[in-house]
Amino acid sequence: MNELIEIEREVGEIVAISSLKFSQESLEEDDLEYEEFPEPPQVEEVKKEGEGEGDEEQPPPEEEEGEGDDKKEDFKVEEYQWTITNKKPKNLVQVYMQLKEQNAIHEIKNAEEYSSSQYESISKSLDEFITRVVSGDLNGKNPIIQVVFME
């Protein structure tokens, strides 16, 4: 995902993607498993010896003011949703759909719809894809089109 974000930052918005494959990439979000973190233990204040036996309350020690006034909060992994990848990276379709969210459209086409020749199918599918992008037929949507070839 970082690579797509970098491309958009350096070059410009990614409007559409065409993917030519011999196998269809899955879009199944159901296959994703998420990390589950145990609840952090409650921190209890520990009383020092002799505390609470009638001693006078001592004011808390004052912190020195200086350059370290801006304390950053500790990073807490529990506050984020992490996927368990098990060495199975997300594919291009999943990453693009996540990047473009509600504007993304996933289309799957069989290469034989264009031609029985693989070379001609590549040419015709890319021609159709580029024509759609250039002519403005996207209506604010960001398609990712998979053209699947049979071996």
Protein backbone atom coordinates (compact mmCIF):
# COMPACT_ATOMS: atom_id res chain seq x y z
CA MET A 1 0.00 0.00 0.00
CA ASN A 2 2.87 2.34 0.75
CA GLU A 3 4.07 2.07 -2.83
CA LEU A 4 0.69 3.16 -4.21
CA ILE A 5 0.57 6.08 -1.79
CA GLU A 6 4.09 7.12 -2.82
CA ILE A 7 3.14 6.92 -6.51
CA GLU A 8 0.10 9.13 -5.90
CA ARG A 9 2.20 11.61 -3.95
CA GLU A 10 4.99 11.82 -6.54
CA VAL A 11 3.17 11.36 -9.86
CA GLY A 12 -0.50 12.06 -9.22
CA GLU A 13 -3.73 10.24 -8.46
CA ILE A 14 -4.11 6.66 -9.64
CA VAL A 15 -7.39 6.73 -11.53
CA ALA A 16 -7.57 3.12 -12.70
CA ILE A 17 -5.55 -0.11 -12.88
CA SER A 18 -5.55 -2.85 -15.49
CA SER A 19 -4.25 -6.23 -14.40
CA LEU A 20 -3.41 -8.97 -16.93
CA LYS A 21 -3.20 -12.34 -15.14
CA PHE A 22 -3.28 -16.08 -15.70
CA SER A 23 -5.19 -16.53 -12.43
CA GLN A 24 -7.87 -14.44 -10.83
CA GLU A 25 -6.84 -12.58 -7.68
CA SER A 26 -9.14 -12.94 -4.71
CA LEU A 27 -10.92 -10.01 -3.15
CA GLU A 28 -12.12 -12.02 -0.16
CA GLU A 29 -11.79 -9.95 3.00
CA ASP A 30 -13.29 -12.90 4.90
CA ASP A 31 -9.97 -14.74 4.64
CA LEU A 32 -8.25 -12.05 6.70
CA GLU A 33 -7.53 -12.82 10.34
CA TYR A 34 -6.81 -10.07 12.82
CA GLU A 35 -4.41 -10.01 15.78
CA GLU A 36 -6.07 -10.16 19.16
CA PHE A 37 -4.22 -8.51 22.01
CA PRO A 38 -4.82 -9.35 25.67
CA GLU A 39 -6.19 -6.54 27.78
CA PRO A 40 -3.38 -4.68 29.53
CA PRO A 41 -3.27 -5.35 33.28
CA GLN A 42 -4.64 -2.65 35.55
CA VAL A 43 -1.87 -0.66 37.23
CA GLU A 44 -2.45 -0.28 40.95
CA GLU A 45 -0.82 2.41 43.02
CA VAL A 46 1.62 0.88 45.46
CA LYS A 47 1.76 2.55 48.88
CA LYS A 48 5.16 3.20 50.34
CA GLU A 49 5.96 1.90 53.80
CA GLY A 50 4.77 4.17 56.53
CA GLU A 51 2.32 5.93 54.24
CA GLY A 52 -1.10 6.58 55.69
CA GLU A 53 0.03 6.38 59.32
CA GLY A 54 -0.68 9.98 60.16
CA ASP A 55 2.34 11.42 58.40
CA GLU A 56 1.91 14.80 56.89
CA GLU A 57 1.14 14.70 53.21
CA GLN A 58 4.11 15.70 51.18
CA PRO A 59 3.53 17.67 47.99
CA PRO A 60 4.41 15.77 44.83
CA PRO A 61 7.87 16.61 43.50
CA GLU A 62 7.74 19.36 40.92
CA GLU A 63 8.92 18.51 37.45
CA GLU A 64 11.58 20.73 35.97
CA GLU A 65 10.37 22.78 33.06
CA GLY A 66 12.59 22.73 30.04
CA GLU A 67 12.97 21.42 26.56
CA GLY A 68 11.27 18.09 27.33
CA ASP A 69 7.83 19.60 28.01
CA ASP A 70 6.25 17.92 24.98
CA LYS A 71 5.87 14.33 26.12
CA LYS A 72 4.81 11.99 23.37
CA GLU A 73 2.31 9.31 24.17
CA ASP A 74 3.56 5.76 24.00
CA PHE A 75 2.61 3.81 20.89
CA LYS A 76 -0.06 1.28 21.77
CA VAL A 77 -0.45 -1.56 19.31
CA GLU A 78 -3.79 -2.49 20.86
CA GLU A 79 -5.39 0.67 19.50
CA TYR A 80 -4.98 -0.44 15.87
CA GLN A 81 -6.31 -3.35 13.85
CA TRP A 82 -3.49 -5.62 12.63
CA THR A 83 -3.90 -8.46 10.17
CA ILE A 84 -2.23 -11.82 10.63
CA THR A 85 -0.57 -12.31 7.28
CA ASN A 86 1.16 -15.66 7.86
CA LYS A 87 3.42 -14.82 4.94
CA LYS A 88 0.40 -14.22 2.67
CA PRO A 89 0.65 -10.63 1.43
CA LYS A 90 -2.38 -8.74 0.20
CA ASN A 91 -2.74 -8.79 -3.56
CA LEU A 92 -3.04 -5.76 -5.83
CA VAL A 93 -6.84 -5.90 -5.91
CA GLN A 94 -7.16 -5.90 -2.10
CA VAL A 95 -4.66 -3.06 -1.68
CA TYR A 96 -6.25 -0.90 -4.39
CA MET A 97 -9.78 -1.49 -3.09
CA GLN A 98 -8.63 -0.51 0.40
CA LEU A 99 -6.86 2.60 -0.92
CA LYS A 100 -9.81 3.88 -2.99
CA GLU A 101 -12.53 2.61 -0.60
CA GLN A 102 -16.05 3.60 -1.73
CA ASN A 103 -15.01 4.79 -5.21
CA ALA A 104 -13.33 1.52 -6.21
CA ILE A 105 -14.92 -0.87 -8.69
CA HIS A 106 -13.57 -4.37 -9.30
CA GLU A 107 -14.23 -5.81 -12.77
CA ILE A 108 -13.17 -9.25 -13.98
CA LYS A 109 -13.11 -10.11 -17.67
CA ASN A 110 -12.08 -13.26 -19.46
CA ALA A 111 -9.42 -12.70 -22.14
CA GLU A 112 -11.41 -14.84 -24.57
CA GLU A 113 -14.09 -12.11 -24.62
CA TYR A 114 -11.62 -10.05 -26.64
CA SER A 115 -9.97 -12.68 -28.84
CA SER A 116 -8.76 -16.27 -28.91
CA SER A 117 -5.18 -15.02 -29.40
CA GLN A 118 -3.44 -13.90 -26.20
CA TYR A 119 -1.53 -11.12 -27.95
CA GLU A 120 -4.66 -9.75 -29.56
CA SER A 121 -6.55 -10.01 -26.25
CA ILE A 122 -3.87 -7.94 -24.54
CA SER A 123 -4.03 -5.29 -27.21
CA LYS A 124 -7.83 -5.09 -27.32
CA SER A 125 -8.28 -5.13 -23.52
CA LEU A 126 -5.74 -2.34 -23.01
CA ASP A 127 -7.28 -0.35 -25.88
CA GLU A 128 -10.73 -0.60 -24.27
CA PHE A 129 -9.31 0.24 -20.83
CA ILE A 130 -7.41 3.33 -22.01
CA THR A 131 -10.39 4.54 -24.05
CA ARG A 132 -12.59 4.37 -20.93
CA VAL A 133 -10.07 6.27 -18.83
CA VAL A 134 -9.31 8.98 -21.40
CA SER A 135 -12.93 9.56 -22.47
CA GLY A 136 -14.04 10.17 -18.88
CA ASP A 137 -16.56 7.32 -18.70
CA LEU A 138 -15.51 6.55 -15.11
CA ASN A 139 -17.97 8.98 -13.47
CA GLY A 140 -15.75 9.54 -10.43
CA LYS A 141 -15.15 5.82 -9.92
CA ASN A 142 -11.77 4.12 -9.75
CA PRO A 143 -11.90 0.74 -11.51
CA ILE A 144 -9.43 -2.07 -11.27
CA ILE A 145 -9.96 -4.37 -14.24
CA GLN A 146 -8.61 -7.91 -14.22
CA VAL A 147 -8.24 -9.62 -17.56
CA VAL A 148 -7.80 -13.34 -16.86
CA PHE A 149 -6.08 -15.56 -19.43
CA MET A 150 -6.55 -19.31 -19.61
CA GLU A 151 -3.31 -21.28 -19.96
